[in-house]
């Protein structure tokens, strides 16, 4: 029998298609640049990041039986992520992003396979309460509602797939969970604007979040928990790509805490990992 994973990541796994231009991009613009394909998806990215930190991470995601899906499964195995729990569907999802020096211009997620995962997929899954569980907001709302009621673990982590899907995490407000969001995602979840990461983290706490860790681009990061507030400032760097930065941050933070680092050291470790990720992109 295989040992239980240290962490089970539930959510998106797909291919990212990322177009980048060194020029500013306006509506209808046709600009030179580069296009690359890479494995992506919040749950996949976090699972891969955890495996890179030496943890036993398993992934529950819908991946197609097509050539793209088979390539994604091969990547996961090479990356050290357990694939026992994968749901093989008819097609593999895809995410398209356009980036410029001003940041993300637009993105489109084709997530039919992910949103097709129903609660039935989890009914035979027996979770050890000691296993950390990470859930992303890309799953369909009925499935997230079911998971919020059914998941009984001591360490539950939540991540938003985007501001557009952050509201789907509402059923988890009031549970003993840790939310990883950026400021815009926190605004969407709370239905209000926030001036900075601190006000966003406190806003989430007031809505019932036990712990909220909020990033805000190059501005300070805030970790708000019953133990109080912690802050750290990202380094002043020029990113080559921002896609996946929040996922890398969450993976590094979870790994740091699983490996025994305290709150302050874990926050700094995650900050530095995200900074390396956005500066090391091709």
C-alpha atoms as a PDB file:
ATOM      1  CA  UNK A   1       0.000   0.000   0.000  1.00  0.00           C
ATOM      2  CA  UNK A   2       1.284   3.447  -0.914  1.00  0.00           C
ATOM      3  CA  UNK A   3       1.874   5.857   1.958  1.00  0.00           C
ATOM      4  CA  UNK A   4      -0.632   8.678   2.251  1.00  0.00           C
ATOM      5  CA  UNK A   5       0.500  11.909   0.579  1.00  0.00           C
ATOM      6  CA  UNK A   6       1.659  14.840   2.686  1.00  0.00           C
ATOM      7  CA  UNK A   7      -0.755  17.034   0.764  1.00  0.00           C
ATOM      8  CA  UNK A   8      -3.615  16.445  -1.658  1.00  0.00           C
ATOM      9  CA  UNK A   9      -4.155  19.178  -4.252  1.00  0.00           C
ATOM     10  CA  UNK A  10      -7.629  19.366  -5.825  1.00  0.00           C
ATOM     11  CA  UNK A  11      -8.425  21.505  -8.862  1.00  0.00           C
ATOM     12  CA  UNK A  12      -7.057  22.723 -12.162  1.00  0.00           C
ATOM     13  CA  UNK A  13      -4.515  20.996 -14.383  1.00  0.00           C
ATOM     14  CA  UNK A  14      -4.104  22.088 -17.989  1.00  0.00           C
ATOM     15  CA  UNK A  15      -1.715  23.550 -20.535  1.00  0.00           C
ATOM     16  CA  UNK A  16      -0.883  27.249 -20.379  1.00  0.00           C
ATOM     17  CA  UNK A  17      -0.455  29.075 -23.679  1.00  0.00           C
ATOM     18  CA  UNK A  18       1.290  32.351 -22.848  1.00  0.00           C
ATOM     19  CA  UNK A  19       1.860  35.122 -25.365  1.00  0.00           C
ATOM     20  CA  UNK A  20       4.279  37.866 -24.345  1.00  0.00           C
ATOM     21  CA  UNK A  21       5.269  41.085 -26.049  1.00  0.00           C
ATOM     22  CA  UNK A  22       7.898  43.652 -25.046  1.00  0.00           C
ATOM     23  CA  UNK A  23       5.486  46.325 -26.300  1.00  0.00           C
ATOM     24  CA  UNK A  24       2.406  47.815 -24.683  1.00  0.00           C
ATOM     25  CA  UNK A  25      -0.748  46.186 -26.009  1.00  0.00           C
ATOM     26  CA  UNK A  26      -3.912  48.146 -26.725  1.00  0.00           C
ATOM     27  CA  UNK A  27      -7.293  46.929 -27.900  1.00  0.00           C
ATOM     28  CA  UNK A  28      -6.965  45.351 -31.348  1.00  0.00           C
ATOM     29  CA  UNK A  29      -3.156  45.600 -31.312  1.00  0.00           C
ATOM     30  CA  UNK A  30      -1.021  43.255 -33.427  1.00  0.00           C
ATOM     31  CA  UNK A  31       2.438  43.166 -31.851  1.00  0.00           C
ATOM     32  CA  UNK A  32       5.608  41.049 -32.071  1.00  0.00           C
ATOM     33  CA  UNK A  33       6.450  38.733 -29.209  1.00  0.00           C
ATOM     34  CA  UNK A  34       6.825  35.121 -28.118  1.00  0.00           C
ATOM     35  CA  UNK A  35       4.370  32.291 -27.494  1.00  0.00           C
ATOM     36  CA  UNK A  36       5.149  29.366 -25.213  1.00  0.00           C
ATOM     37  CA  UNK A  37       3.315  26.356 -23.836  1.00  0.00           C
ATOM     38  CA  UNK A  38       3.810  25.059 -20.295  1.00  0.00           C
ATOM     39  CA  UNK A  39       1.976  22.858 -17.796  1.00  0.00           C
ATOM     40  CA  UNK A  40      -0.371  24.945 -15.649  1.00  0.00           C
ATOM     41  CA  UNK A  41      -3.417  25.093 -13.444  1.00  0.00           C
ATOM     42  CA  UNK A  42      -3.501  26.205  -9.818  1.00  0.00           C
ATOM     43  CA  UNK A  43      -3.667  22.752  -8.225  1.00  0.00           C
ATOM     44  CA  UNK A  44      -1.087  21.333 -10.644  1.00  0.00           C
ATOM     45  CA  UNK A  45       1.312  24.230 -10.123  1.00  0.00           C
ATOM     46  CA  UNK A  46       1.062  23.954  -6.357  1.00  0.00           C
ATOM     47  CA  UNK A  47       1.501  20.168  -6.404  1.00  0.00           C
ATOM     48  CA  UNK A  48       4.601  20.483  -8.600  1.00  0.00           C
ATOM     49  CA  UNK A  49       5.985  23.214  -6.331  1.00  0.00           C
ATOM     50  CA  UNK A  50       5.430  21.052  -3.242  1.00  0.00           C
ATOM     51  CA  UNK A  51       7.114  18.056  -4.873  1.00  0.00           C
ATOM     52  CA  UNK A  52      10.094  20.266  -5.746  1.00  0.00           C
ATOM     53  CA  UNK A  53      10.365  21.087  -2.032  1.00  0.00           C
ATOM     54  CA  UNK A  54      10.566  17.382  -1.183  1.00  0.00           C
ATOM     55  CA  UNK A  55       6.963  16.771  -0.119  1.00  0.00           C
ATOM     56  CA  UNK A  56       4.778  13.873  -1.229  1.00  0.00           C
ATOM     57  CA  UNK A  57       2.075  15.690  -3.186  1.00  0.00           C
ATOM     58  CA  UNK A  58      -0.861  14.047  -4.946  1.00  0.00           C
ATOM     59  CA  UNK A  59      -3.191  15.668  -7.458  1.00  0.00           C
ATOM     60  CA  UNK A  60      -6.914  15.262  -8.066  1.00  0.00           C
ATOM     61  CA  UNK A  61      -7.685  16.861 -11.423  1.00  0.00           C
ATOM     62  CA  UNK A  62      -9.442  16.093 -14.700  1.00  0.00           C
ATOM     63  CA  UNK A  63      -6.921  15.404 -17.466  1.00  0.00           C
ATOM     64  CA  UNK A  64      -7.899  14.206 -20.920  1.00  0.00           C
ATOM     65  CA  UNK A  65      -7.010  10.934 -22.587  1.00  0.00           C
ATOM     66  CA  UNK A  66      -5.868  12.942 -25.613  1.00  0.00           C
ATOM     67  CA  UNK A  67      -2.232  13.505 -26.550  1.00  0.00           C
ATOM     68  CA  UNK A  68      -2.114  16.737 -24.523  1.00  0.00           C
ATOM     69  CA  UNK A  69      -3.408  14.901 -21.466  1.00  0.00           C
ATOM     70  CA  UNK A  70      -0.917  12.065 -21.823  1.00  0.00           C
ATOM     71  CA  UNK A  71       1.917  14.586 -22.072  1.00  0.00           C
ATOM     72  CA  UNK A  72       0.643  16.350 -18.951  1.00  0.00           C
ATOM     73  CA  UNK A  73       0.529  13.058 -17.024  1.00  0.00           C
ATOM     74  CA  UNK A  74       4.095  12.271 -18.089  1.00  0.00           C
ATOM     75  CA  UNK A  75       5.193  15.698 -16.868  1.00  0.00           C
ATOM     76  CA  UNK A  76       3.548  15.114 -13.481  1.00  0.00           C
ATOM     77  CA  UNK A  77       5.274  11.773 -13.011  1.00  0.00           C
ATOM     78  CA  UNK A  78       8.666  13.224 -13.909  1.00  0.00           C
ATOM     79  CA  UNK A  79       7.976  16.084 -11.475  1.00  0.00           C
ATOM     80  CA  UNK A  80       7.347  13.652  -8.619  1.00  0.00           C
ATOM     81  CA  UNK A  81       3.601  14.312  -8.254  1.00  0.00           C
ATOM     82  CA  UNK A  82       1.436  11.292  -7.454  1.00  0.00           C
ATOM     83  CA  UNK A  83      -1.114  10.701 -10.221  1.00  0.00           C
ATOM     84  CA  UNK A  84      -3.137   7.865  -8.613  1.00  0.00           C
ATOM     85  CA  UNK A  85      -6.187  10.070  -8.094  1.00  0.00           C
ATOM     86  CA  UNK A  86      -6.344  11.705 -11.530  1.00  0.00           C
ATOM     87  CA  UNK A  87      -9.692  11.681 -13.326  1.00  0.00           C
ATOM     88  CA  UNK A  88      -9.152  10.917 -17.009  1.00  0.00           C
ATOM     89  CA  UNK A  89     -11.693  12.806 -19.101  1.00  0.00           C
ATOM     90  CA  UNK A  90     -12.362  13.184 -22.806  1.00  0.00           C
ATOM     91  CA  UNK A  91     -10.299  16.334 -23.250  1.00  0.00           C
ATOM     92  CA  UNK A  92      -7.588  18.386 -21.597  1.00  0.00           C
ATOM     93  CA  UNK A  93      -8.300  21.941 -20.482  1.00  0.00           C
ATOM     94  CA  UNK A  94      -6.323  24.966 -21.664  1.00  0.00           C
ATOM     95  CA  UNK A  95      -5.506  28.464 -20.418  1.00  0.00           C
ATOM     96  CA  UNK A  96      -4.530  31.343 -22.714  1.00  0.00           C
ATOM     97  CA  UNK A  97      -2.829  34.461 -21.349  1.00  0.00           C
ATOM     98  CA  UNK A  98      -1.528  37.624 -23.024  1.00  0.00           C
ATOM     99  CA  UNK A  99       1.154  39.557 -21.143  1.00  0.00           C
ATOM    100  CA  UNK A 100       2.976  42.830 -21.782  1.00  0.00           C
ATOM    101  CA  UNK A 101       5.422  44.927 -19.727  1.00  0.00           C
ATOM    102  CA  UNK A 102       2.298  46.323 -18.012  1.00  0.00           C
ATOM    103  CA  UNK A 103       1.385  42.841 -16.710  1.00  0.00           C
ATOM    104  CA  UNK A 104      -1.488  40.541 -17.619  1.00  0.00           C
ATOM    105  CA  UNK A 105      -3.604  42.010 -20.426  1.00  0.00           C
ATOM    106  CA  UNK A 106      -6.224  39.274 -20.698  1.00  0.00           C
ATOM    107  CA  UNK A 107      -6.724  35.572 -20.089  1.00  0.00           C
ATOM    108  CA  UNK A 108      -9.221  32.926 -21.135  1.00  0.00           C
ATOM    109  CA  UNK A 109      -9.669  29.584 -19.375  1.00  0.00           C
ATOM    110  CA  UNK A 110     -11.305  26.669 -21.204  1.00  0.00           C
ATOM    111  CA  UNK A 111     -12.141  24.495 -18.191  1.00  0.00           C
ATOM    112  CA  UNK A 112     -14.872  22.075 -19.247  1.00  0.00           C
ATOM    113  CA  UNK A 113     -13.024  19.033 -17.874  1.00  0.00           C
ATOM    114  CA  UNK A 114     -12.354  20.681 -14.511  1.00  0.00           C
ATOM    115  CA  UNK A 115     -15.896  21.952 -14.115  1.00  0.00           C
ATOM    116  CA  UNK A 116     -17.177  18.510 -15.047  1.00  0.00           C
ATOM    117  CA  UNK A 117     -15.771  17.018 -11.818  1.00  0.00           C
ATOM    118  CA  UNK A 118     -18.784  16.246  -9.640  1.00  0.00           C
ATOM    119  CA  UNK A 119     -18.982  15.341  -5.933  1.00  0.00           C
ATOM    120  CA  UNK A 120     -19.330  11.696  -7.036  1.00  0.00           C
ATOM    121  CA  UNK A 121     -15.613  11.720  -7.803  1.00  0.00           C
ATOM    122  CA  UNK A 122     -14.801  12.124  -4.103  1.00  0.00           C
ATOM    123  CA  UNK A 123     -17.310   9.791  -2.483  1.00  0.00           C
ATOM    124  CA  UNK A 124     -14.961   6.792  -2.363  1.00  0.00           C
ATOM    125  CA  UNK A 125     -11.927   8.873  -1.372  1.00  0.00           C
ATOM    126  CA  UNK A 126     -10.923   8.318   2.241  1.00  0.00           C
ATOM    127  CA  UNK A 127      -8.871  11.251   3.544  1.00  0.00           C
ATOM    128  CA  UNK A 128      -6.642  10.987   6.579  1.00  0.00           C
ATOM    129  CA  UNK A 129      -7.426  14.014   8.786  1.00  0.00           C
ATOM    130  CA  UNK A 130      -3.672  14.573   9.079  1.00  0.00           C
ATOM    131  CA  UNK A 131      -3.237  15.044   5.321  1.00  0.00           C
ATOM    132  CA  UNK A 132      -3.131  18.695   4.238  1.00  0.00           C
ATOM    133  CA  UNK A 133      -5.688  19.470   1.511  1.00  0.00           C
ATOM    134  CA  UNK A 134      -5.423  22.297  -1.020  1.00  0.00           C
ATOM    135  CA  UNK A 135      -8.499  23.196  -3.090  1.00  0.00           C
ATOM    136  CA  UNK A 136      -8.623  25.775  -5.868  1.00  0.00           C
ATOM    137  CA  UNK A 137     -11.681  27.751  -6.921  1.00  0.00           C
ATOM    138  CA  UNK A 138     -11.737  26.478 -10.499  1.00  0.00           C
ATOM    139  CA  UNK A 139     -14.049  23.605  -9.590  1.00  0.00           C
ATOM    140  CA  UNK A 140     -17.764  24.007 -10.279  1.00  0.00           C
ATOM    141  CA  UNK A 141     -19.727  25.741  -7.478  1.00  0.00           C
ATOM    142  CA  UNK A 142     -21.833  22.658  -6.563  1.00  0.00           C
ATOM    143  CA  UNK A 143     -18.652  20.605  -6.147  1.00  0.00           C
ATOM    144  CA  UNK A 144     -17.026  23.286  -4.005  1.00  0.00           C
ATOM    145  CA  UNK A 145     -20.190  23.517  -1.890  1.00  0.00           C
ATOM    146  CA  UNK A 146     -20.044  19.755  -1.337  1.00  0.00           C
ATOM    147  CA  UNK A 147     -16.326  19.805  -0.480  1.00  0.00           C
ATOM    148  CA  UNK A 148     -16.831  22.624   2.050  1.00  0.00           C
ATOM    149  CA  UNK A 149     -19.268  20.380   3.918  1.00  0.00           C
ATOM    150  CA  UNK A 150     -17.478  17.063   3.417  1.00  0.00           C
ATOM    151  CA  UNK A 151     -13.776  17.782   3.894  1.00  0.00           C
ATOM    152  CA  UNK A 152     -12.745  17.033   7.478  1.00  0.00           C
ATOM    153  CA  UNK A 153      -9.008  17.633   7.806  1.00  0.00           C
ATOM    154  CA  UNK A 154      -6.857  19.523  10.261  1.00  0.00           C
ATOM    155  CA  UNK A 155      -5.102  21.641   7.636  1.00  0.00           C
ATOM    156  CA  UNK A 156      -7.207  23.019   4.771  1.00  0.00           C
ATOM    157  CA  UNK A 157      -5.728  25.502   2.291  1.00  0.00           C
ATOM    158  CA  UNK A 158      -7.663  27.379  -0.412  1.00  0.00           C
ATOM    159  CA  UNK A 159      -6.497  29.238  -3.516  1.00  0.00           C
ATOM    160  CA  UNK A 160      -8.403  31.306  -6.047  1.00  0.00           C
ATOM    161  CA  UNK A 161      -8.012  30.472  -9.722  1.00  0.00           C
ATOM    162  CA  UNK A 162      -8.833  34.085 -10.651  1.00  0.00           C
ATOM    163  CA  UNK A 163     -10.793  37.092  -9.464  1.00  0.00           C
ATOM    164  CA  UNK A 164     -13.684  35.885 -11.641  1.00  0.00           C
ATOM    165  CA  UNK A 165     -13.833  32.575  -9.737  1.00  0.00           C
ATOM    166  CA  UNK A 166     -12.832  33.752  -6.254  1.00  0.00           C
ATOM    167  CA  UNK A 167     -16.466  34.064  -5.156  1.00  0.00           C
ATOM    168  CA  UNK A 168     -16.770  30.295  -5.484  1.00  0.00           C
ATOM    169  CA  UNK A 169     -14.783  29.959  -2.245  1.00  0.00           C
ATOM    170  CA  UNK A 170     -17.621  31.562  -0.234  1.00  0.00           C
ATOM    171  CA  UNK A 171     -18.807  28.219   1.236  1.00  0.00           C
ATOM    172  CA  UNK A 172     -15.450  27.895   3.004  1.00  0.00           C
ATOM    173  CA  UNK A 173     -15.821  31.159   4.926  1.00  0.00           C
ATOM    174  CA  UNK A 174     -16.422  30.139   8.502  1.00  0.00           C
ATOM    175  CA  UNK A 175     -14.381  26.933   8.171  1.00  0.00           C
ATOM    176  CA  UNK A 176     -10.953  26.490   9.722  1.00  0.00           C
ATOM    177  CA  UNK A 177      -9.079  27.188   6.484  1.00  0.00           C
ATOM    178  CA  UNK A 178      -6.225  29.322   5.168  1.00  0.00           C
ATOM    179  CA  UNK A 179      -6.996  31.436   2.071  1.00  0.00           C
ATOM    180  CA  UNK A 180      -4.278  32.355  -0.463  1.00  0.00           C
ATOM    181  CA  UNK A 181      -5.545  35.248  -2.580  1.00  0.00           C
ATOM    182  CA  UNK A 182      -4.316  38.383  -4.260  1.00  0.00           C
ATOM    183  CA  UNK A 183      -5.990  41.675  -3.434  1.00  0.00           C
ATOM    184  CA  UNK A 184      -8.304  41.621  -6.468  1.00  0.00           C
ATOM    185  CA  UNK A 185      -9.445  38.092  -5.629  1.00  0.00           C
ATOM    186  CA  UNK A 186     -10.127  39.150  -2.042  1.00  0.00           C
ATOM    187  CA  UNK A 187     -12.183  42.077  -3.337  1.00  0.00           C
ATOM    188  CA  UNK A 188     -14.246  39.715  -5.486  1.00  0.00           C
ATOM    189  CA  UNK A 189     -14.821  37.287  -2.631  1.00  0.00           C
ATOM    190  CA  UNK A 190     -15.807  40.045  -0.191  1.00  0.00           C
ATOM    191  CA  UNK A 191     -17.745  42.188  -2.694  1.00  0.00           C
ATOM    192  CA  UNK A 192     -15.837  45.302  -1.663  1.00  0.00           C
ATOM    193  CA  UNK A 193     -12.719  47.272  -2.574  1.00  0.00           C
ATOM    194  CA  UNK A 194      -9.560  47.217  -0.471  1.00  0.00           C
ATOM    195  CA  UNK A 195      -6.726  49.729  -0.388  1.00  0.00           C
ATOM    196  CA  UNK A 196      -4.007  47.175   0.323  1.00  0.00           C
ATOM    197  CA  UNK A 197      -3.260  43.615   1.392  1.00  0.00           C
ATOM    198  CA  UNK A 198      -3.785  44.397   5.076  1.00  0.00           C
ATOM    199  CA  UNK A 199      -7.305  45.731   4.646  1.00  0.00           C
ATOM    200  CA  UNK A 200      -8.072  42.795   2.322  1.00  0.00           C
ATOM    201  CA  UNK A 201      -6.803  40.231   4.837  1.00  0.00           C
ATOM    202  CA  UNK A 202      -8.743  41.857   7.669  1.00  0.00           C
ATOM    203  CA  UNK A 203     -11.812  42.055   5.453  1.00  0.00           C
ATOM    204  CA  UNK A 204     -11.632  38.327   4.808  1.00  0.00           C
ATOM    205  CA  UNK A 205     -11.179  37.648   8.505  1.00  0.00           C
ATOM    206  CA  UNK A 206     -14.313  39.673   9.207  1.00  0.00           C
ATOM    207  CA  UNK A 207     -16.170  37.492   6.692  1.00  0.00           C
ATOM    208  CA  UNK A 208     -15.207  34.336   8.568  1.00  0.00           C
ATOM    209  CA  UNK A 209     -11.802  33.352   7.172  1.00  0.00           C
ATOM    210  CA  UNK A 210      -9.649  31.870   9.924  1.00  0.00           C
ATOM    211  CA  UNK A 211      -6.467  32.886   8.121  1.00  0.00           C
ATOM    212  CA  UNK A 212      -5.928  35.024   5.029  1.00  0.00           C
ATOM    213  CA  UNK A 213      -2.620  35.491   3.216  1.00  0.00           C
ATOM    214  CA  UNK A 214      -2.925  38.276   0.661  1.00  0.00           C
ATOM    215  CA  UNK A 215      -0.452  39.290  -2.039  1.00  0.00           C
ATOM    216  CA  UNK A 216      -0.664  42.566  -3.941  1.00  0.00           C
ATOM    217  CA  UNK A 217       1.847  42.569  -6.787  1.00  0.00           C
ATOM    218  CA  UNK A 218       4.944  44.566  -5.792  1.00  0.00           C
ATOM    219  CA  UNK A 219       3.201  45.925  -2.666  1.00  0.00           C
ATOM    220  CA  UNK A 220       3.465  44.352   0.812  1.00  0.00           C
ATOM    221  CA  UNK A 221       2.105  40.880   1.529  1.00  0.00           C
ATOM    222  CA  UNK A 222      -0.062  40.329   4.615  1.00  0.00           C
ATOM    223  CA  UNK A 223      -0.662  37.182   6.679  1.00  0.00           C
ATOM    224  CA  UNK A 224      -3.639  37.702   9.003  1.00  0.00           C
ATOM    225  CA  UNK A 225      -4.449  34.940  11.485  1.00  0.00           C
ATOM    226  CA  UNK A 226      -5.713  34.629  15.073  1.00  0.00           C
ATOM    227  CA  UNK A 227      -2.065  35.093  16.074  1.00  0.00           C
ATOM    228  CA  UNK A 228      -2.021  38.589  14.547  1.00  0.00           C
ATOM    229  CA  UNK A 229      -0.723  40.348  11.439  1.00  0.00           C
ATOM    230  CA  UNK A 230       2.545  39.726   9.624  1.00  0.00           C
ATOM    231  CA  UNK A 231       3.895  41.691   6.667  1.00  0.00           C
ATOM    232  CA  UNK A 232       6.712  41.326   4.176  1.00  0.00           C
ATOM    233  CA  UNK A 233       7.681  43.325   1.094  1.00  0.00           C
ATOM    234  CA  UNK A 234       8.485  41.671  -2.257  1.00  0.00           C
ATOM    235  CA  UNK A 235      11.904  42.517  -3.724  1.00  0.00           C
ATOM    236  CA  UNK A 236      12.075  45.262  -6.337  1.00  0.00           C
ATOM    237  CA  UNK A 237      12.481  43.252  -9.546  1.00  0.00           C
ATOM    238  CA  UNK A 238      11.253  43.480 -13.116  1.00  0.00           C
ATOM    239  CA  UNK A 239       9.228  40.325 -13.810  1.00  0.00           C
ATOM    240  CA  UNK A 240       9.601  38.454 -17.064  1.00  0.00           C
ATOM    241  CA  UNK A 241       6.217  36.748 -16.560  1.00  0.00           C
ATOM    242  CA  UNK A 242       3.658  36.781 -13.748  1.00  0.00           C
ATOM    243  CA  UNK A 243       1.684  33.660 -14.700  1.00  0.00           C
ATOM    244  CA  UNK A 244       1.817  31.132 -11.857  1.00  0.00           C
ATOM    245  CA  UNK A 245       3.445  33.480  -9.344  1.00  0.00           C
ATOM    246  CA  UNK A 246       0.649  33.126  -6.805  1.00  0.00           C
ATOM    247  CA  UNK A 247       0.731  29.340  -7.124  1.00  0.00           C
ATOM    248  CA  UNK A 248       4.480  29.270  -6.545  1.00  0.00           C
ATOM    249  CA  UNK A 249       4.004  31.511  -3.502  1.00  0.00           C
ATOM    250  CA  UNK A 250       1.340  29.213  -2.029  1.00  0.00           C
ATOM    251  CA  UNK A 251       3.379  26.058  -2.679  1.00  0.00           C
ATOM    252  CA  UNK A 252       6.496  27.496  -1.070  1.00  0.00           C
ATOM    253  CA  UNK A 253       4.529  28.773   1.934  1.00  0.00           C
ATOM    254  CA  UNK A 254       2.785  25.449   2.546  1.00  0.00           C
ATOM    255  CA  UNK A 255       6.071  23.554   2.158  1.00  0.00           C
ATOM    256  CA  UNK A 256       7.850  25.911   4.547  1.00  0.00           C
ATOM    257  CA  UNK A 257       5.203  25.432   7.223  1.00  0.00           C
ATOM    258  CA  UNK A 258       5.079  21.656   6.665  1.00  0.00           C
ATOM    259  CA  UNK A 259       8.850  21.611   7.108  1.00  0.00           C
ATOM    260  CA  UNK A 260       8.604  23.413  10.447  1.00  0.00           C
ATOM    261  CA  UNK A 261       9.349  27.052   9.664  1.00  0.00           C
ATOM    262  CA  UNK A 262       7.554  29.659  11.764  1.00  0.00           C
ATOM    263  CA  UNK A 263       5.079  32.182  10.352  1.00  0.00           C
ATOM    264  CA  UNK A 264       7.597  34.936   9.647  1.00  0.00           C
ATOM    265  CA  UNK A 265      10.222  32.656   8.085  1.00  0.00           C
ATOM    266  CA  UNK A 266       7.592  30.837   6.004  1.00  0.00           C
ATOM    267  CA  UNK A 267       6.237  34.122   4.645  1.00  0.00           C
ATOM    268  CA  UNK A 268       9.730  35.282   3.682  1.00  0.00           C
ATOM    269  CA  UNK A 269      10.497  31.910   2.078  1.00  0.00           C
ATOM    270  CA  UNK A 270       7.338  32.092  -0.026  1.00  0.00           C
ATOM    271  CA  UNK A 271       8.018  35.719  -0.997  1.00  0.00           C
ATOM    272  CA  UNK A 272      11.489  34.840  -2.263  1.00  0.00           C
ATOM    273  CA  UNK A 273      10.278  31.739  -4.125  1.00  0.00           C
ATOM    274  CA  UNK A 274       7.634  33.769  -5.987  1.00  0.00           C
ATOM    275  CA  UNK A 275      10.225  36.436  -6.842  1.00  0.00           C
ATOM    276  CA  UNK A 276      12.545  33.819  -8.319  1.00  0.00           C
ATOM    277  CA  UNK A 277       9.657  32.339 -10.282  1.00  0.00           C
ATOM    278  CA  UNK A 278       8.700  35.567 -12.030  1.00  0.00           C
ATOM    279  CA  UNK A 279      12.313  36.539 -12.730  1.00  0.00           C
ATOM    280  CA  UNK A 280      13.351  33.100 -14.023  1.00  0.00           C
ATOM    281  CA  UNK A 281      10.607  32.707 -16.610  1.00  0.00           C
ATOM    282  CA  UNK A 282      11.837  32.328 -20.208  1.00  0.00           C
END
